Amino acid sequence: MCKNKILLIGLLFLVIILSACSSRGMNGGAITAEDIPDEPPKEEITTTIRNSSNYEIDDVIEANFPKVTSVKGDSSNADIFATTRFNLTELSSLLTETIKPTEISAVKDNQQILIYTDEFITLRESEADSSVLLIEVASDEFVRRNYSPNFLSTYFTLRLLDDVLDVDDWSKKHRGTYSGMGGLGTPSRGNTTFRGGGPGSGK
């Protein structure tokens, strides 16, 4: 009986340790170039985005880059897209020149955040593969309910975030812990979605 209890406790600890390791491994973007479907040439994507008649940034991103996963939050999800065709500076310039954001953060830790009317767009190099740029599209509702104030305050002032998220003292009223690209694991091959064809191709 005693040996069985010890064995059971040992197995329980093993499960806890493995779960912790798995959780850590799923953060930071374990996405590599192999996980991304074939993309059009860089010049073609650039032309399509610049000539787009769609002024919704989430639609433009969805139409031109493959979606690799979603992050489930409180009441809403954030979608993660990826590309090997652009680095952070190139894509940031292309997106901001095509559809001007209301706020642009500085680049910190290989990451930049663009704030639009209804979305936060986060650009970050994949920690698993520096040739992969991850693009997170999160609604302001997702950010309001899930993002860590401590994390976002390294990119924007809390007063600005209060205004953008339309909440007085947002950092005190919401205690989210999410810091972008969280919950990412390597997607199953073939499960990525990529419509292509540019905005207006249908959803």
Foldseek 3Di string as FASTA:
>chain_A
DVVVVVVVVVVVVVVVVVVVVVQVQQPQAQEAPQQFPDADALVVLLVLLQPDPDQDLVLQCQQHFWWRDWADADPDIKTKTKDLRDAPVVVVVSSCVRHNAPDKFDQDPQKIWGHHLFWIWIWHQRPNYNSMIMIITDTLVRCLAAPAPVQCCVTPPVVVNCVSSVHVPSNVVHHHHDNPSHSHDRGDRPPIDHDYPHRPPDD
